[in-house]
N, C-alpha and C. Protein backbone atom coordinates (compact mmCIF):
# COMPACT_ATOMS: atom_id res chain seq x y z
N MET A 1 178.32 11.16 195.03
CA MET A 1 177.71 10.84 196.32
C MET A 1 178.80 10.77 197.38
N THR A 2 178.59 11.43 198.50
CA THR A 2 179.60 11.44 199.56
C THR A 2 179.40 10.25 200.48
N LYS A 3 180.50 9.81 201.06
CA LYS A 3 180.47 8.71 202.02
C LYS A 3 179.86 9.19 203.33
N LYS A 4 179.00 8.37 203.92
CA LYS A 4 178.40 8.71 205.22
C LYS A 4 179.49 8.82 206.27
N SER A 5 179.32 9.75 207.15
CA SER A 5 180.24 9.86 208.27
C SER A 5 180.01 8.69 209.22
N ASP A 6 180.98 8.45 210.07
CA ASP A 6 180.83 7.37 211.05
C ASP A 6 179.60 7.59 211.92
N LEU A 7 179.34 8.84 212.30
CA LEU A 7 178.18 9.14 213.13
C LEU A 7 176.88 8.84 212.39
N GLU A 8 176.80 9.27 211.13
CA GLU A 8 175.59 8.99 210.35
C GLU A 8 175.36 7.49 210.19
N ALA A 9 176.42 6.74 209.97
CA ALA A 9 176.31 5.28 209.83
C ALA A 9 175.84 4.66 211.15
N HIS A 10 176.42 5.13 212.25
CA HIS A 10 176.03 4.62 213.57
C HIS A 10 174.56 4.91 213.85
N LEU A 11 174.14 6.16 213.60
CA LEU A 11 172.75 6.52 213.85
C LEU A 11 171.81 5.72 212.97
N GLY A 12 172.21 5.45 211.75
CA GLY A 12 171.40 4.59 210.88
C GLY A 12 171.24 3.20 211.46
N ASN A 13 172.32 2.66 212.00
CA ASN A 13 172.25 1.34 212.65
C ASN A 13 171.34 1.36 213.87
N VAL A 14 171.41 2.44 214.65
CA VAL A 14 170.57 2.57 215.84
C VAL A 14 169.10 2.62 215.44
N VAL A 15 168.76 3.44 214.46
CA VAL A 15 167.37 3.56 214.01
C VAL A 15 166.87 2.21 213.50
N GLU A 16 167.67 1.53 212.73
CA GLU A 16 167.27 0.22 212.20
C GLU A 16 167.02 -0.78 213.33
N ALA A 17 167.90 -0.80 214.33
CA ALA A 17 167.73 -1.71 215.45
C ALA A 17 166.46 -1.40 216.25
N ILE A 18 166.15 -0.11 216.43
CA ILE A 18 164.91 0.26 217.12
C ILE A 18 163.71 -0.21 216.32
N GLN A 19 163.73 0.03 215.02
CA GLN A 19 162.60 -0.36 214.16
C GLN A 19 162.38 -1.86 214.15
N GLN A 20 163.46 -2.63 214.30
CA GLN A 20 163.35 -4.09 214.29
C GLN A 20 163.09 -4.67 215.68
N GLY A 21 162.94 -3.80 216.67
CA GLY A 21 162.66 -4.26 218.03
C GLY A 21 163.85 -4.88 218.72
N GLU A 22 165.05 -4.56 218.25
CA GLU A 22 166.26 -5.13 218.83
C GLU A 22 166.94 -4.18 219.81
N LEU A 23 166.45 -2.97 219.92
CA LEU A 23 167.06 -1.98 220.78
C LEU A 23 165.98 -1.14 221.43
N VAL A 24 166.13 -0.91 222.71
CA VAL A 24 165.23 -0.03 223.45
C VAL A 24 166.07 1.12 223.97
N ALA A 25 165.65 2.33 223.65
CA ALA A 25 166.39 3.51 224.10
C ALA A 25 165.90 3.90 225.49
N PHE A 26 166.83 4.08 226.42
CA PHE A 26 166.51 4.56 227.76
C PHE A 26 167.00 5.99 227.86
N LEU A 27 166.10 6.90 228.14
CA LEU A 27 166.44 8.30 228.25
C LEU A 27 166.51 8.69 229.72
N GLY A 28 167.41 9.55 230.05
CA GLY A 28 167.61 9.96 231.42
C GLY A 28 166.58 10.97 231.89
N ALA A 29 166.65 11.27 233.17
CA ALA A 29 165.75 12.25 233.78
C ALA A 29 165.87 13.58 233.04
N GLY A 30 164.76 14.20 232.78
CA GLY A 30 164.75 15.50 232.12
C GLY A 30 164.71 15.42 230.60
N ALA A 31 164.75 14.23 230.02
CA ALA A 31 164.72 14.11 228.57
C ALA A 31 163.44 14.69 227.98
N ASN A 32 162.37 14.68 228.75
CA ASN A 32 161.09 15.21 228.28
C ASN A 32 161.02 16.73 228.32
N LEU A 33 162.06 17.38 228.81
CA LEU A 33 162.04 18.84 228.93
C LEU A 33 162.48 19.56 227.66
N CYS A 34 162.99 18.83 226.68
CA CYS A 34 163.59 19.49 225.51
C CYS A 34 162.60 20.35 224.74
N SER A 35 161.34 20.02 224.71
CA SER A 35 160.36 20.84 223.98
C SER A 35 159.32 21.47 224.90
N ARG A 36 159.53 21.34 226.18
CA ARG A 36 158.57 21.88 227.15
C ARG A 36 158.78 23.38 227.34
N PRO A 37 157.72 24.17 227.22
CA PRO A 37 157.86 25.62 227.42
C PRO A 37 158.34 25.94 228.83
N LYS A 38 159.23 26.90 228.94
CA LYS A 38 159.79 27.28 230.24
C LYS A 38 158.67 27.74 231.17
N GLY A 39 158.69 27.25 232.39
CA GLY A 39 157.70 27.63 233.40
C GLY A 39 156.39 26.88 233.31
N MET A 40 156.24 25.98 232.34
CA MET A 40 154.99 25.24 232.18
C MET A 40 154.80 24.27 233.34
N LYS A 41 153.60 24.20 233.86
CA LYS A 41 153.24 23.23 234.89
C LYS A 41 152.34 22.17 234.25
N TRP A 42 152.67 20.92 234.45
CA TRP A 42 151.90 19.82 233.87
C TRP A 42 150.60 19.60 234.63
N CYS A 43 149.55 19.23 233.91
CA CYS A 43 148.31 18.77 234.53
C CYS A 43 147.80 17.60 233.70
N ALA A 44 147.07 16.72 234.32
CA ALA A 44 146.64 15.48 233.68
C ALA A 44 145.76 15.70 232.46
N SER A 45 145.08 16.83 232.37
CA SER A 45 144.16 17.06 231.25
C SER A 45 144.87 17.42 229.95
N GLN A 46 146.12 17.84 230.02
CA GLN A 46 146.83 18.19 228.78
C GLN A 46 147.69 17.01 228.36
N LYS A 47 147.78 16.79 227.08
CA LYS A 47 148.49 15.62 226.55
C LYS A 47 149.72 15.99 225.73
N GLU A 48 150.06 17.28 225.64
CA GLU A 48 151.15 17.71 224.78
C GLU A 48 152.53 17.46 225.38
N GLN A 49 152.61 17.47 226.70
CA GLN A 49 153.89 17.32 227.39
C GLN A 49 153.79 16.24 228.45
N LEU A 50 154.91 15.60 228.73
CA LEU A 50 154.96 14.59 229.78
C LEU A 50 155.25 15.25 231.12
N PRO A 51 154.82 14.63 232.21
CA PRO A 51 155.08 15.22 233.53
C PRO A 51 156.51 14.97 233.99
N LEU A 52 156.97 15.84 234.85
CA LEU A 52 158.22 15.59 235.58
C LEU A 52 157.94 14.53 236.63
N GLY A 53 158.97 13.94 237.18
CA GLY A 53 158.79 12.90 238.19
C GLY A 53 157.97 13.38 239.38
N GLY A 54 158.27 14.58 239.86
CA GLY A 54 157.53 15.13 241.00
C GLY A 54 156.08 15.41 240.67
N GLU A 55 155.83 15.88 239.44
CA GLU A 55 154.45 16.15 239.01
C GLU A 55 153.65 14.85 238.91
N LEU A 56 154.28 13.82 238.39
CA LEU A 56 153.60 12.52 238.29
C LEU A 56 153.37 11.94 239.68
N ALA A 57 154.34 12.08 240.56
CA ALA A 57 154.18 11.60 241.94
C ALA A 57 153.02 12.32 242.63
N ASP A 58 152.94 13.64 242.47
CA ASP A 58 151.82 14.40 243.05
C ASP A 58 150.48 13.91 242.53
N TYR A 59 150.41 13.70 241.22
CA TYR A 59 149.16 13.24 240.60
C TYR A 59 148.77 11.86 241.14
N LEU A 60 149.71 10.94 241.16
CA LEU A 60 149.41 9.58 241.63
C LEU A 60 149.05 9.59 243.12
N ALA A 61 149.76 10.39 243.90
CA ALA A 61 149.45 10.48 245.33
C ALA A 61 148.04 11.00 245.54
N ASP A 62 147.64 11.97 244.74
CA ASP A 62 146.29 12.53 244.85
C ASP A 62 145.24 11.50 244.43
N VAL A 63 145.45 10.84 243.31
CA VAL A 63 144.47 9.87 242.78
C VAL A 63 144.28 8.70 243.75
N PHE A 64 145.38 8.23 244.34
CA PHE A 64 145.30 7.03 245.18
C PHE A 64 145.32 7.33 246.68
N GLY A 65 145.24 8.62 247.04
CA GLY A 65 145.16 8.98 248.45
C GLY A 65 146.42 8.70 249.24
N PHE A 66 147.56 8.74 248.58
CA PHE A 66 148.84 8.51 249.25
C PHE A 66 149.22 9.74 250.04
N THR A 67 149.56 9.55 251.31
CA THR A 67 150.00 10.67 252.14
C THR A 67 151.33 10.30 252.79
N GLY A 68 151.99 11.27 253.26
CA GLY A 68 153.25 11.02 253.96
C GLY A 68 154.34 11.96 253.52
N ASP A 69 155.47 11.81 254.16
CA ASP A 69 156.61 12.67 253.88
C ASP A 69 157.21 12.45 252.51
N THR A 70 156.94 11.31 251.89
CA THR A 70 157.54 10.97 250.60
C THR A 70 156.55 11.15 249.45
N ALA A 71 155.56 12.02 249.62
CA ALA A 71 154.52 12.18 248.60
C ALA A 71 155.07 12.64 247.27
N LYS A 72 156.20 13.35 247.23
CA LYS A 72 156.76 13.80 245.95
C LYS A 72 157.81 12.83 245.39
N ASP A 73 158.01 11.71 246.06
CA ASP A 73 158.99 10.72 245.62
C ASP A 73 158.28 9.69 244.73
N LEU A 74 158.53 9.76 243.44
CA LEU A 74 157.83 8.89 242.49
C LEU A 74 158.04 7.42 242.79
N THR A 75 159.23 7.05 243.21
CA THR A 75 159.49 5.65 243.53
C THR A 75 158.61 5.17 244.68
N ARG A 76 158.49 5.97 245.71
CA ARG A 76 157.67 5.62 246.87
C ARG A 76 156.17 5.61 246.51
N VAL A 77 155.73 6.61 245.80
CA VAL A 77 154.30 6.73 245.47
C VAL A 77 153.86 5.62 244.52
N SER A 78 154.68 5.36 243.54
CA SER A 78 154.28 4.34 242.56
C SER A 78 154.41 2.95 243.13
């Protein structure tokens, strides 16, 4: 049996901490793009992919009647 590499040991510790509720992973902008088909546009009726910030801002602005110059700014809309 081979000894685990430092990376494998670290990742094991990370997974264990997440499973025990001791660690919350924060992913940066664009993390949801890794499996998204190129050129795909998000719509609320599909559940396979998450929206980009601008797409979510557009959706929320539409649902809640938000208007203005900052309609694509998720922070402002939300």
